[in-house]
Amino acid sequence: MASHSFFIFAFLVAISFSNMDIGLAGRHLMQTTPAIPSLTNPTLPPFPTLPTIPTLPQPSLPGTPTIPQVTLPPLPNLPSSFPSLSPPPSPSTP
């Protein structure tokens, strides 16, 4: 089990060192190559004008319908106190 973890650790170390070499090689190439001359931006022809679209007439919509008013009957009067319920009588013992 320990040999597997050692192999994985050694593999990761080897990969990290190879990545450093690639990064250093890329930096070295960037420093040694001559500068690329700057390119001028090409001029674009003017955009063609778009034709105007005629506006369409808006259709007339009917007005919102009127909702009839509904009157509810008054609520009945409720008693102010409710009778309390008493517990059921306990069974009598002989």
PDB file of N, CA and C in Angstrom:
ATOM      1  N   MET A   1       0.823  -1.187   0.000  1.00  0.00           N
ATOM      2  CA  MET A   1       0.000   0.000   0.000  1.00  0.00           C
ATOM      3  C   MET A   1       0.867   1.250   0.000  1.00  0.00           C
ATOM      4  N   ALA A   2       1.966   1.203   0.774  1.00  0.00           N
ATOM      5  CA  ALA A   2       2.842   2.364   0.851  1.00  0.00           C
ATOM      6  C   ALA A   2       3.563   2.585  -0.474  1.00  0.00           C
ATOM      7  N   SER A   3       3.838   1.517  -1.218  1.00  0.00           N
ATOM      8  CA  SER A   3       4.544   1.678  -2.483  1.00  0.00           C
ATOM      9  C   SER A   3       3.670   2.401  -3.510  1.00  0.00           C
ATOM     10  N   HIS A   4       2.363   2.188  -3.444  1.00  0.00           N
ATOM     11  CA  HIS A   4       1.466   2.883  -4.364  1.00  0.00           C
ATOM     12  C   HIS A   4       1.457   4.385  -4.079  1.00  0.00           C
ATOM     13  N   SER A   5       1.375   4.758  -2.804  1.00  0.00           N
ATOM     14  CA  SER A   5       1.354   6.183  -2.479  1.00  0.00           C
ATOM     15  C   SER A   5       2.700   6.829  -2.822  1.00  0.00           C
ATOM     16  N   PHE A   6       3.802   6.101  -2.633  1.00  0.00           N
ATOM     17  CA  PHE A   6       5.105   6.645  -2.983  1.00  0.00           C
ATOM     18  C   PHE A   6       5.204   6.838  -4.494  1.00  0.00           C
ATOM     19  N   PHE A   7       4.679   5.890  -5.265  1.00  0.00           N
ATOM     20  CA  PHE A   7       4.704   5.998  -6.720  1.00  0.00           C
ATOM     21  C   PHE A   7       3.871   7.206  -7.181  1.00  0.00           C
ATOM     22  N   ILE A   8       2.707   7.406  -6.583  1.00  0.00           N
ATOM     23  CA  ILE A   8       1.851   8.547  -6.955  1.00  0.00           C
ATOM     24  C   ILE A   8       2.545   9.860  -6.594  1.00  0.00           C
ATOM     25  N   PHE A   9       3.176   9.912  -5.419  1.00  0.00           N
ATOM     26  CA  PHE A   9       3.885  11.121  -5.012  1.00  0.00           C
ATOM     27  C   PHE A   9       5.042  11.419  -5.968  1.00  0.00           C
ATOM     28  N   ALA A  10       5.813  10.395  -6.339  1.00  0.00           N
ATOM     29  CA  ALA A  10       6.933  10.588  -7.259  1.00  0.00           C
ATOM     30  C   ALA A  10       6.426  11.040  -8.631  1.00  0.00           C
ATOM     31  N   PHE A  11       5.293  10.493  -9.064  1.00  0.00           N
ATOM     32  CA  PHE A  11       4.713  10.881 -10.350  1.00  0.00           C
ATOM     33  C   PHE A  11       4.287  12.352 -10.332  1.00  0.00           C
ATOM     34  N   LEU A  12       3.665  12.787  -9.245  1.00  0.00           N
ATOM     35  CA  LEU A  12       3.241  14.185  -9.140  1.00  0.00           C
ATOM     36  C   LEU A  12       4.433  15.139  -9.104  1.00  0.00           C
ATOM     37  N   VAL A  13       5.495  14.738  -8.430  1.00  0.00           N
ATOM     38  CA  VAL A  13       6.696  15.576  -8.389  1.00  0.00           C
ATOM     39  C   VAL A  13       7.303  15.679  -9.777  1.00  0.00           C
ATOM     40  N   ALA A  14       7.351  14.570 -10.510  1.00  0.00           N
ATOM     41  CA  ALA A  14       7.920  14.588 -11.861  1.00  0.00           C
ATOM     42  C   ALA A  14       7.076  15.470 -12.783  1.00  0.00           C
ATOM     43  N   ILE A  15       5.772  15.396 -12.657  1.00  0.00           N
ATOM     44  CA  ILE A  15       4.889  16.235 -13.488  1.00  0.00           C
ATOM     45  C   ILE A  15       5.106  17.710 -13.169  1.00  0.00           C
ATOM     46  N   SER A  16       5.213  18.044 -11.881  1.00  0.00           N
ATOM     47  CA  SER A  16       5.376  19.458 -11.530  1.00  0.00           C
ATOM     48  C   SER A  16       6.704  20.005 -12.068  1.00  0.00           C
ATOM     49  N   PHE A  17       7.782  19.196 -12.030  1.00  0.00           N
ATOM     50  CA  PHE A  17       9.054  19.683 -12.579  1.00  0.00           C
ATOM     51  C   PHE A  17       8.999  19.814 -14.093  1.00  0.00           C
ATOM     52  N   SER A  18       8.282  18.932 -14.755  1.00  0.00           N
ATOM     53  CA  SER A  18       8.201  19.048 -16.214  1.00  0.00           C
ATOM     54  C   SER A  18       7.396  20.281 -16.602  1.00  0.00           C
ATOM     55  N   ASN A  19       6.387  20.635 -15.821  1.00  0.00           N
ATOM     56  CA  ASN A  19       5.616  21.839 -16.111  1.00  0.00           C
ATOM     57  C   ASN A  19       6.473  23.090 -15.941  1.00  0.00           C
ATOM     58  N   MET A  20       7.404  23.086 -14.986  1.00  0.00           N
ATOM     59  CA  MET A  20       8.270  24.251 -14.807  1.00  0.00           C
ATOM     60  C   MET A  20       9.171  24.412 -16.015  1.00  0.00           C
ATOM     61  N   ASP A  21       9.678  23.301 -16.570  1.00  0.00           N
ATOM     62  CA  ASP A  21      10.543  23.387 -17.739  1.00  0.00           C
ATOM     63  C   ASP A  21       9.765  23.942 -18.937  1.00  0.00           C
ATOM     64  N   ILE A  22       8.528  23.514 -19.089  1.00  0.00           N
ATOM     65  CA  ILE A  22       7.727  24.002 -20.210  1.00  0.00           C
ATOM     66  C   ILE A  22       7.452  25.490 -20.056  1.00  0.00           C
ATOM     67  N   GLY A  23       7.159  25.913 -18.836  1.00  0.00           N
ATOM     68  CA  GLY A  23       6.915  27.336 -18.604  1.00  0.00           C
ATOM     69  C   GLY A  23       8.163  28.166 -18.850  1.00  0.00           C
ATOM     70  N   LEU A  24       9.320  27.674 -18.424  1.00  0.00           N
ATOM     71  CA  LEU A  24      10.561  28.411 -18.644  1.00  0.00           C
ATOM     72  C   LEU A  24      10.914  28.444 -20.128  1.00  0.00           C
ATOM     73  N   ALA A  25      10.634  27.360 -20.839  1.00  0.00           N
ATOM     74  CA  ALA A  25      10.924  27.334 -22.270  1.00  0.00           C
ATOM     75  C   ALA A  25      10.028  28.321 -23.014  1.00  0.00           C
ATOM     76  N   GLY A  26       8.783  28.395 -22.628  1.00  0.00           N
ATOM     77  CA  GLY A  26       7.880  29.358 -23.256  1.00  0.00           C
ATOM     78  C   GLY A  26       8.310  30.783 -22.998  1.00  0.00           C
ATOM     79  N   ARG A  27       8.733  31.067 -21.775  1.00  0.00           N
ATOM     80  CA  ARG A  27       9.210  32.419 -21.460  1.00  0.00           C
ATOM     81  C   ARG A  27      10.469  32.730 -22.262  1.00  0.00           C
ATOM     82  N   HIS A  28      11.362  31.756 -22.392  1.00  0.00           N
ATOM     83  CA  HIS A  28      12.588  31.965 -23.144  1.00  0.00           C
ATOM     84  C   HIS A  28      12.288  32.262 -24.615  1.00  0.00           C
ATOM     85  N   LEU A  29      11.328  31.539 -25.188  1.00  0.00           N
ATOM     86  CA  LEU A  29      10.950  31.804 -26.577  1.00  0.00           C
ATOM     87  C   LEU A  29      10.351  33.191 -26.745  1.00  0.00           C
ATOM     88  N   MET A  30       9.559  33.619 -25.764  1.00  0.00           N
ATOM     89  CA  MET A  30       8.941  34.950 -25.868  1.00  0.00           C
ATOM     90  C   MET A  30      10.010  36.048 -25.810  1.00  0.00           C
ATOM     91  N   GLN A  31      11.074  35.830 -25.042  1.00  0.00           N
ATOM     92  CA  GLN A  31      12.099  36.853 -24.912  1.00  0.00           C
ATOM     93  C   GLN A  31      13.032  36.866 -26.118  1.00  0.00           C
ATOM     94  N   THR A  32      13.227  35.765 -26.794  1.00  0.00           N
ATOM     95  CA  THR A  32      14.183  35.725 -27.889  1.00  0.00           C
ATOM     96  C   THR A  32      13.571  36.058 -29.242  1.00  0.00           C
ATOM     97  N   THR A  33      12.268  35.915 -29.414  1.00  0.00           N
ATOM     98  CA  THR A  33      11.669  36.207 -30.715  1.00  0.00           C
ATOM     99  C   THR A  33      11.559  37.710 -30.899  1.00  0.00           C
ATOM    100  N   PRO A  34      11.750  38.179 -32.124  1.00  0.00           N
ATOM    101  CA  PRO A  34      11.620  39.614 -32.355  1.00  0.00           C
ATOM    102  C   PRO A  34      10.161  40.044 -32.207  1.00  0.00           C
ATOM    103  N   ALA A  35       9.989  41.304 -31.906  1.00  0.00           N
ATOM    104  CA  ALA A  35       8.641  41.824 -31.702  1.00  0.00           C
ATOM    105  C   ALA A  35       7.872  41.802 -33.013  1.00  0.00           C
ATOM    106  N   ILE A  36       6.631  41.445 -32.969  1.00  0.00           N
ATOM    107  CA  ILE A  36       5.791  41.406 -34.160  1.00  0.00           C
ATOM    108  C   ILE A  36       5.369  42.843 -34.467  1.00  0.00           C
ATOM    109  N   PRO A  37       5.524  43.291 -35.707  1.00  0.00           N
ATOM    110  CA  PRO A  37       5.114  44.657 -36.004  1.00  0.00           C
ATOM    111  C   PRO A  37       3.611  44.805 -35.803  1.00  0.00           C
ATOM    112  N   SER A  38       3.242  45.969 -35.316  1.00  0.00           N
ATOM    113  CA  SER A  38       1.824  46.184 -35.041  1.00  0.00           C
ATOM    114  C   SER A  38       1.063  46.319 -36.354  1.00  0.00           C
ATOM    115  N   LEU A  39      -0.065  45.713 -36.380  1.00  0.00           N
ATOM    116  CA  LEU A  39      -0.894  45.759 -37.570  1.00  0.00           C
ATOM    117  C   LEU A  39      -1.860  46.931 -37.464  1.00  0.00           C
ATOM    118  N   THR A  40      -2.081  47.580 -38.586  1.00  0.00           N
ATOM    119  CA  THR A  40      -3.044  48.683 -38.562  1.00  0.00           C
ATOM    120  C   THR A  40      -4.440  48.097 -38.700  1.00  0.00           C
ATOM    121  N   ASN A  41      -5.377  48.764 -38.091  1.00  0.00           N
ATOM    122  CA  ASN A  41      -6.758  48.297 -38.170  1.00  0.00           C
ATOM    123  C   ASN A  41      -7.302  48.606 -39.560  1.00  0.00           C
ATOM    124  N   PRO A  42      -7.861  47.625 -40.230  1.00  0.00           N
ATOM    125  CA  PRO A  42      -8.422  47.897 -41.551  1.00  0.00           C
ATOM    126  C   PRO A  42      -9.684  48.742 -41.418  1.00  0.00           C
ATOM    127  N   THR A  43      -9.891  49.571 -42.397  1.00  0.00           N
ATOM    128  CA  THR A  43     -11.094  50.398 -42.366  1.00  0.00           C
ATOM    129  C   THR A  43     -12.239  49.611 -42.980  1.00  0.00           C
ATOM    130  N   LEU A  44     -13.365  49.680 -42.355  1.00  0.00           N
ATOM    131  CA  LEU A  44     -14.538  48.968 -42.821  1.00  0.00           C
ATOM    132  C   LEU A  44     -15.396  49.889 -43.668  1.00  0.00           C
ATOM    133  N   PRO A  45     -16.069  49.349 -44.664  1.00  0.00           N
ATOM    134  CA  PRO A  45     -16.968  50.200 -45.441  1.00  0.00           C
ATOM    135  C   PRO A  45     -18.161  50.599 -44.570  1.00  0.00           C
ATOM    136  N   PRO A  46     -18.806  51.702 -44.901  1.00  0.00           N
ATOM    137  CA  PRO A  46     -19.940  52.125 -44.073  1.00  0.00           C
ATOM    138  C   PRO A  46     -21.085  51.116 -44.185  1.00  0.00           C
ATOM    139  N   PHE A  47     -21.833  51.000 -43.116  1.00  0.00           N
ATOM    140  CA  PHE A  47     -22.966  50.080 -43.111  1.00  0.00           C
ATOM    141  C   PHE A  47     -24.073  50.625 -43.997  1.00  0.00           C
ATOM    142  N   PRO A  48     -24.769  49.756 -44.699  1.00  0.00           N
ATOM    143  CA  PRO A  48     -25.885  50.246 -45.518  1.00  0.00           C
ATOM    144  C   PRO A  48     -27.023  50.710 -44.614  1.00  0.00           C
ATOM    145  N   THR A  49     -27.779  51.642 -45.116  1.00  0.00           N
ATOM    146  CA  THR A  49     -28.900  52.149 -44.328  1.00  0.00           C
ATOM    147  C   THR A  49     -30.034  51.130 -44.376  1.00  0.00           C
ATOM    148  N   LEU A  50     -30.699  50.969 -43.276  1.00  0.00           N
ATOM    149  CA  LEU A  50     -31.810  50.031 -43.202  1.00  0.00           C
ATOM    150  C   LEU A  50     -33.088  50.723 -43.637  1.00  0.00           C
ATOM    151  N   PRO A  51     -33.929  50.036 -44.383  1.00  0.00           N
ATOM    152  CA  PRO A  51     -35.186  50.669 -44.770  1.00  0.00           C
ATOM    153  C   PRO A  51     -36.090  50.812 -43.552  1.00  0.00           C
ATOM    154  N   THR A  52     -36.900  51.841 -43.592  1.00  0.00           N
ATOM    155  CA  THR A  52     -37.813  52.054 -42.474  1.00  0.00           C
ATOM    156  C   THR A  52     -39.025  51.161 -42.644  1.00  0.00           C
ATOM    157  N   ILE A  53     -39.486  50.626 -41.552  1.00  0.00           N
ATOM    158  CA  ILE A  53     -40.645  49.742 -41.568  1.00  0.00           C
ATOM    159  C   ILE A  53     -41.861  50.583 -41.203  1.00  0.00           C
ATOM    160  N   PRO A  54     -42.902  50.532 -42.025  1.00  0.00           N
ATOM    161  CA  PRO A  54     -44.077  51.325 -41.678  1.00  0.00           C
ATOM    162  C   PRO A  54     -44.741  50.773 -40.422  1.00  0.00           C
ATOM    163  N   THR A  55     -45.272  51.671 -39.633  1.00  0.00           N
ATOM    164  CA  THR A  55     -45.931  51.239 -38.405  1.00  0.00           C
ATOM    165  C   THR A  55     -47.333  50.760 -38.736  1.00  0.00           C
ATOM    166  N   LEU A  56     -47.721  49.690 -38.117  1.00  0.00           N
ATOM    167  CA  LEU A  56     -49.046  49.132 -38.333  1.00  0.00           C
ATOM    168  C   LEU A  56     -50.040  49.791 -37.380  1.00  0.00           C
ATOM    169  N   PRO A  57     -51.263  49.988 -37.834  1.00  0.00           N
ATOM    170  CA  PRO A  57     -52.247  50.590 -36.925  1.00  0.00           C
ATOM    171  C   PRO A  57     -52.568  49.625 -35.789  1.00  0.00           C
ATOM    172  N   GLN A  58     -52.756  50.184 -34.631  1.00  0.00           N
ATOM    173  CA  GLN A  58     -53.083  49.367 -33.471  1.00  0.00           C
ATOM    174  C   GLN A  58     -54.566  49.030 -33.504  1.00  0.00           C
ATOM    175  N   PRO A  59     -54.919  47.762 -33.323  1.00  0.00           N
ATOM    176  CA  PRO A  59     -56.345  47.427 -33.313  1.00  0.00           C
ATOM    177  C   PRO A  59     -57.000  47.980 -32.056  1.00  0.00           C
ATOM    178  N   SER A  60     -58.234  48.409 -32.232  1.00  0.00           N
ATOM    179  CA  SER A  60     -58.932  48.949 -31.064  1.00  0.00           C
ATOM    180  C   SER A  60     -59.525  47.781 -30.283  1.00  0.00           C
ATOM    181  N   LEU A  61     -59.220  47.748 -29.024  1.00  0.00           N
ATOM    182  CA  LEU A  61     -59.712  46.681 -28.165  1.00  0.00           C
ATOM    183  C   LEU A  61     -60.956  47.169 -27.437  1.00  0.00           C
ATOM    184  N   PRO A  62     -61.915  46.270 -27.206  1.00  0.00           N
ATOM    185  CA  PRO A  62     -63.095  46.705 -26.448  1.00  0.00           C
ATOM    186  C   PRO A  62     -62.692  47.020 -25.014  1.00  0.00           C
ATOM    187  N   GLY A  63     -63.469  47.857 -24.388  1.00  0.00           N
ATOM    188  CA  GLY A  63     -63.176  48.232 -23.005  1.00  0.00           C
ATOM    189  C   GLY A  63     -63.314  47.042 -22.070  1.00  0.00           C
ATOM    190  N   THR A  64     -62.817  47.185 -20.896  1.00  0.00           N
ATOM    191  CA  THR A  64     -62.913  46.091 -19.929  1.00  0.00           C
ATOM    192  C   THR A  64     -64.369  45.927 -19.511  1.00  0.00           C
ATOM    193  N   PRO A  65     -64.825  44.707 -19.379  1.00  0.00           N
ATOM    194  CA  PRO A  65     -66.224  44.508 -18.991  1.00  0.00           C
ATOM    195  C   PRO A  65     -66.439  44.933 -17.541  1.00  0.00           C
ATOM    196  N   THR A  66     -67.617  45.392 -17.293  1.00  0.00           N
ATOM    197  CA  THR A  66     -67.933  45.806 -15.919  1.00  0.00           C
ATOM    198  C   THR A  66     -68.396  44.579 -15.144  1.00  0.00           C
ATOM    199  N   ILE A  67     -67.932  44.461 -13.935  1.00  0.00           N
ATOM    200  CA  ILE A  67     -68.287  43.337 -13.072  1.00  0.00           C
ATOM    201  C   ILE A  67     -69.426  43.794 -12.180  1.00  0.00           C
ATOM    202  N   PRO A  68     -70.523  43.044 -12.136  1.00  0.00           N
ATOM    203  CA  PRO A  68     -71.634  43.483 -11.282  1.00  0.00           C
ATOM    204  C   PRO A  68     -71.241  43.417  -9.813  1.00  0.00           C
ATOM    205  N   GLN A  69     -71.749  44.368  -9.042  1.00  0.00           N
ATOM    206  CA  GLN A  69     -71.473  44.413  -7.611  1.00  0.00           C
ATOM    207  C   GLN A  69     -72.405  43.442  -6.902  1.00  0.00           C
ATOM    208  N   VAL A  70     -71.851  42.618  -6.054  1.00  0.00           N
ATOM    209  CA  VAL A  70     -72.632  41.632  -5.318  1.00  0.00           C
ATOM    210  C   VAL A  70     -72.682  42.066  -3.868  1.00  0.00           C
ATOM    211  N   THR A  71     -73.898  42.109  -3.317  1.00  0.00           N
ATOM    212  CA  THR A  71     -74.036  42.424  -1.897  1.00  0.00           C
ATOM    213  C   THR A  71     -74.361  41.140  -1.163  1.00  0.00           C
ATOM    214  N   LEU A  72     -73.643  40.885  -0.111  1.00  0.00           N
ATOM    215  CA  LEU A  72     -73.832  39.681   0.683  1.00  0.00           C
ATOM    216  C   LEU A  72     -74.800  39.975   1.815  1.00  0.00           C
ATOM    217  N   PRO A  73     -75.612  38.988   2.188  1.00  0.00           N
ATOM    218  CA  PRO A  73     -76.516  39.222   3.320  1.00  0.00           C
ATOM    219  C   PRO A  73     -75.705  39.325   4.610  1.00  0.00           C
ATOM    220  N   PRO A  74     -76.236  39.989   5.602  1.00  0.00           N
ATOM    221  CA  PRO A  74     -75.495  40.111   6.863  1.00  0.00           C
ATOM    222  C   PRO A  74     -75.346  38.762   7.552  1.00  0.00           C
ATOM    223  N   LEU A  75     -74.280  38.589   8.290  1.00  0.00           N
ATOM    224  CA  LEU A  75     -74.033  37.351   9.017  1.00  0.00           C
ATOM    225  C   LEU A  75     -74.958  37.261  10.221  1.00  0.00           C
ATOM    226  N   PRO A  76     -75.372  36.057  10.572  1.00  0.00           N
ATOM    227  CA  PRO A  76     -76.239  35.939  11.762  1.00  0.00           C
ATOM    228  C   PRO A  76     -75.437  36.242  13.022  1.00  0.00           C
ATOM    229  N   ASN A  77     -76.166  36.670  14.037  1.00  0.00           N
ATOM    230  CA  ASN A  77     -75.512  36.968  15.317  1.00  0.00           C
ATOM    231  C   ASN A  77     -75.102  35.666  15.988  1.00  0.00           C
ATOM    232  N   LEU A  78     -73.871  35.609  16.444  1.00  0.00           N
ATOM    233  CA  LEU A  78     -73.364  34.436  17.128  1.00  0.00           C
ATOM    234  C   LEU A  78     -73.430  34.679  18.624  1.00  0.00           C
ATOM    235  N   PRO A  79     -73.690  33.630  19.396  1.00  0.00           N
ATOM    236  CA  PRO A  79     -73.712  33.846  20.858  1.00  0.00           C
ATOM    237  C   PRO A  79     -72.312  34.229  21.337  1.00  0.00           C
ATOM    238  N   SER A  80     -72.287  35.065  22.357  1.00  0.00           N
ATOM    239  CA  SER A  80     -70.996  35.556  22.836  1.00  0.00           C
ATOM    240  C   SER A  80     -70.273  34.517  23.682  1.00  0.00           C
ATOM    241  N   SER A  81     -71.019  33.585  24.309  1.00  0.00           N
ATOM    242  CA  SER A  81     -70.350  32.561  25.125  1.00  0.00           C
ATOM    243  C   SER A  81     -70.853  31.196  24.696  1.00  0.00           C
ATOM    244  N   PHE A  82     -69.969  30.250  24.673  1.00  0.00           N
ATOM    245  CA  PHE A  82     -70.310  28.890  24.313  1.00  0.00           C
ATOM    246  C   PHE A  82     -70.430  28.062  25.582  1.00  0.00           C
ATOM    247  N   PRO A  83     -71.376  27.122  25.624  1.00  0.00           N
ATOM    248  CA  PRO A  83     -71.472  26.290  26.835  1.00  0.00           C
ATOM    249  C   PRO A  83     -70.232  25.410  26.948  1.00  0.00           C
ATOM    250  N   SER A  84     -69.731  25.291  28.140  1.00  0.00           N
ATOM    251  CA  SER A  84     -68.544  24.456  28.340  1.00  0.00           C
ATOM    252  C   SER A  84     -68.969  23.015  28.468  1.00  0.00           C
ATOM    253  N   LEU A  85     -68.167  22.152  27.952  1.00  0.00           N
ATOM    254  CA  LEU A  85     -68.465  20.730  28.020  1.00  0.00           C
ATOM    255  C   LEU A  85     -67.815  20.157  29.273  1.00  0.00           C
ATOM    256  N   SER A  86     -68.588  19.395  29.987  1.00  0.00           N
ATOM    257  CA  SER A  86     -68.054  18.788  31.204  1.00  0.00           C
ATOM    258  C   SER A  86     -67.516  17.408  30.862  1.00  0.00           C
ATOM    259  N   PRO A  87     -66.538  16.912  31.601  1.00  0.00           N
ATOM    260  CA  PRO A  87     -65.985  15.589  31.314  1.00  0.00           C
ATOM    261  C   PRO A  87     -67.040  14.517  31.591  1.00  0.00           C
ATOM    262  N   PRO A  88     -66.952  13.385  30.950  1.00  0.00           N
ATOM    263  CA  PRO A  88     -67.936  12.330  31.197  1.00  0.00           C
ATOM    264  C   PRO A  88     -67.815  11.800  32.627  1.00  0.00           C
ATOM    265  N   PRO A  89     -68.910  11.323  33.162  1.00  0.00           N
ATOM    266  CA  PRO A  89     -68.848  10.833  34.542  1.00  0.00           C
ATOM    267  C   PRO A  89     -67.931   9.612  34.628  1.00  0.00           C
ATOM    268  N   SER A  90     -67.238   9.507  35.733  1.00  0.00           N
ATOM    269  CA  SER A  90     -66.332   8.375  35.917  1.00  0.00           C
ATOM    270  C   SER A  90     -67.155   7.132  36.264  1.00  0.00           C
ATOM    271  N   PRO A  91     -66.684   5.963  35.856  1.00  0.00           N
ATOM    272  CA  PRO A  91     -67.453   4.756  36.192  1.00  0.00           C
ATOM    273  C   PRO A  91     -67.487   4.540  37.700  1.00  0.00           C
ATOM    274  N   SER A  92     -68.637   4.166  38.164  1.00  0.00           N
ATOM    275  CA  SER A  92     -68.771   3.947  39.619  1.00  0.00           C
ATOM    276  C   SER A  92     -68.234   2.576  39.974  1.00  0.00           C
ATOM    277  N   THR A  93     -67.608   2.504  41.114  1.00  0.00           N
ATOM    278  CA  THR A  93     -67.085   1.221  41.585  1.00  0.00           C
ATOM    279  C   THR A  93     -68.097   0.632  42.566  1.00  0.00           C
ATOM    280  N   PRO A  94     -68.414  -0.672  42.556  1.00  0.00           N
ATOM    281  CA  PRO A  94     -69.435  -1.217  43.492  1.00  0.00           C
ATOM    282  C   PRO A  94     -68.969  -1.323  44.904  1.00  0.00           C
TER     283      PRO A  94
END
